[in-house]
Protein backbone atom coordinates (compact mmCIF):
# COMPACT_ATOMS: atom_id res chain seq x y z
CA UNK A 1 -43.86 -119.73 197.48
CA UNK A 2 -44.52 -116.80 195.13
CA UNK A 3 -47.95 -115.20 195.09
CA UNK A 4 -49.27 -113.92 191.75
CA UNK A 5 -49.81 -110.16 191.66
CA UNK A 6 -53.27 -109.14 190.59
CA UNK A 7 -53.72 -106.05 188.47
CA UNK A 8 -55.76 -103.18 189.92
CA UNK A 9 -59.32 -102.71 188.72
CA UNK A 10 -60.38 -99.31 187.44
CA UNK A 11 -64.13 -98.57 187.51
CA UNK A 12 -66.06 -95.83 185.69
CA UNK A 13 -69.77 -95.00 185.78
CA UNK A 14 -70.92 -93.97 182.30
CA UNK A 15 -74.00 -93.00 180.33
CA UNK A 16 -73.85 -95.33 177.30
CA UNK A 17 -75.45 -93.87 174.17
CA UNK A 18 -75.16 -96.55 171.47
CA UNK A 19 -73.16 -99.49 170.17
CA UNK A 20 -72.37 -100.01 166.52
CA UNK A 21 -70.48 -102.78 164.76
CA UNK A 22 -68.13 -101.47 162.13
CA UNK A 23 -69.02 -103.02 158.76
CA UNK A 24 -68.98 -102.00 155.12
CA UNK A 25 -72.47 -103.52 154.76
CA UNK A 26 -73.95 -100.80 156.99
CA UNK A 27 -71.52 -98.10 155.78
CA UNK A 28 -69.82 -98.02 159.18
CA UNK A 29 -66.13 -98.32 158.43
CA UNK A 30 -64.53 -95.83 160.82
CA UNK A 31 -65.47 -94.69 164.33
CA UNK A 32 -66.43 -91.29 162.85
CA UNK A 33 -69.08 -93.08 160.73
CA UNK A 34 -70.70 -94.38 163.92
CA UNK A 35 -70.59 -90.91 165.45
CA UNK A 36 -72.38 -89.54 162.39
CA UNK A 37 -75.02 -92.30 162.70
CA UNK A 38 -75.52 -91.29 166.35
CA UNK A 39 -76.06 -87.67 165.30
CA UNK A 40 -78.64 -88.80 162.73
CA UNK A 41 -80.47 -90.81 165.41
CA UNK A 42 -80.50 -87.83 167.75
CA UNK A 43 -82.03 -85.57 165.12
CA UNK A 44 -84.77 -88.08 164.15
CA UNK A 45 -85.81 -90.65 166.76
CA UNK A 46 -83.79 -89.40 169.71
CA UNK A 47 -81.15 -91.04 171.89
CA UNK A 48 -81.64 -92.26 175.45
CA UNK A 49 -78.68 -93.22 177.54
CA UNK A 50 -78.20 -96.38 179.56
CA UNK A 51 -76.35 -96.09 182.86
CA UNK A 52 -73.50 -98.60 182.84
CA UNK A 53 -70.38 -99.47 184.80
CA UNK A 54 -67.13 -99.98 182.90
CA UNK A 55 -64.49 -102.06 184.71
CA UNK A 56 -60.95 -102.45 183.40
CA UNK A 57 -58.68 -105.06 184.93
CA UNK A 58 -55.48 -105.66 183.02
CA UNK A 59 -56.58 -106.68 179.54
CA UNK A 60 -60.19 -107.44 180.51
CA UNK A 61 -62.98 -104.89 180.03
CA UNK A 62 -66.44 -105.57 181.49
CA UNK A 63 -69.52 -103.41 180.88
CA UNK A 64 -72.56 -103.99 183.08
CA UNK A 65 -75.98 -102.38 183.56
CA UNK A 66 -75.91 -100.26 186.72
CA UNK A 67 -79.56 -100.92 187.54
CA UNK A 68 -79.44 -104.74 187.33
CA UNK A 69 -75.68 -105.50 187.45
CA UNK A 70 -76.25 -107.67 184.36
CA UNK A 71 -73.04 -108.05 182.34
CA UNK A 72 -73.57 -106.63 178.85
CA UNK A 73 -70.09 -107.05 177.37
CA UNK A 74 -66.81 -108.75 178.21
CA UNK A 75 -63.80 -107.92 176.07
CA UNK A 76 -60.31 -109.36 176.36
CA UNK A 77 -58.15 -106.67 174.79
CA UNK A 78 -54.83 -107.47 173.23
CA UNK A 79 -53.61 -103.88 173.15
CA UNK A 80 -53.25 -101.03 170.75
CA UNK A 81 -50.82 -101.03 167.89
CA UNK A 82 -51.02 -97.32 167.11
CA UNK A 83 -52.72 -94.16 168.30
CA UNK A 84 -54.73 -92.14 165.80
CA UNK A 85 -55.40 -88.68 167.27
CA UNK A 86 -58.10 -87.84 164.74
CA UNK A 87 -60.21 -90.82 165.82
CA UNK A 88 -60.14 -90.16 169.57
CA UNK A 89 -63.36 -88.65 170.94
């Protein structure tokens, strides 16, 4: 009998600043557009962070609120097809 190998889980504690959906409707087409929007928010209304835990297990990413353990996001990633150095931050 062969036992399935489970992939290791990597956990990070982060201060989450904001989430933006990329869309042409809101003029958010590239990650740098979202970063610019974040800078605008900081200079006007301010930005408060949310303490979250990011867990990566194989192709599954789970983000949860550290205070309540409530799951905020589950993403099943398929992988990356190319690396764009200018868009890493």
